[in-house]
Amino acid sequence: MELWYTEQHTENVRFSIKVEKEIHTEQTEFQRIDVLEAKEFGKFFTLDGLMMVTEKDEFIYHDMIVHVPMATNPNIKKVLVIGAGDGGTIRELTRYKTIEKIDMVEIDERVVEVCKEYFPQTACKLDDPRVNIFFEDGLRFVRNKENEYDLIIVDSTDPFGPGEGLFTKEFYGNCYKALKEDGILVNQHESPYYDFHARAMKDAHKKIVGFFPVIRVYQAHIPTYPSGHWLFGFASKKYDPIKDLDADAWNKLGIKTKYYNTDLHVGCFALPNYVLEMLEN
């Protein structure tokens, strides 16, 4: 008997992966966690049936959500990460010796525990001494912070369920307040391709625009996410990710990446016309 994982991307589109075996399943206070294994993508885990991480392509997402802001301002020292229970974003941040403190806020402790057990390649740096993990609601956590962080990364699930509060105007306003005068906010910005995800993308973008003087959107190709075309939001009080990129300085760090490079850094901000029209409207 064949077993397939299938995610419903739209009413008329499904994405399927042939599964070799089921490894773990549980229902937490917040969501259902499943860990599966496939020949094509290795181990992968889903939350409420939606793809989060695969061993094969996780490097794309984590490279792009971390190295774009870090190459824009290599002097970042204090970082807040909201979500990111799989640990991949933390892994990439800890590669920078100049970072002094990383606060990570994850609402579901079981996500972290499951990823430590089954995804050591992503969760391998969660015990770094610079990392402080808080198991609580990210919206509530950031509400009490002011002028504290150089960078905030919102590595959240989609804008419903446990991640819904991380796509509100109140949340983005609190992030602005929590950032220092030259702070940067990066968030996963959904996909522009299917109508459902495109509406969430436009809604999130509209809510951020009112707070930050510098607003940009950039893209990556992530095969296991809906349509494969995925966006990230870049917002800053000071830094422009293209004009302020110091490619020589970043390349001298000698950080070896599988997806990100400084040529791609500039190119990923060149968006297709249909996406530009969505953002303008």
Foldseek 3Di string as FASTA:
>chain_A
DWDKQWDDLDPPDIDIATFPDWDDWDQDPFWIKTWTAGPVFGIFMDTNSATDDTNRFNQQVLCVLAVLVCLLPVQWAEEEEEALLLQQNVVVVVLRPNHQAYEYEHQDVVSNVVNVVPPCVRNVCCPPPRYDYHHRQPQVVLQPAAQAGQEYEYEADACDTSNVVCQDLSSLVSVLRNHHLWHKYKYWQFACPDPVRVVSNLSSLVSNVVRAPEKAKFWDQGPRGNVRITIMIMGTNDTDSQVSRPQVVVVVSVDDGDHDHPVVSNVRRDDDPVSVVSNVD
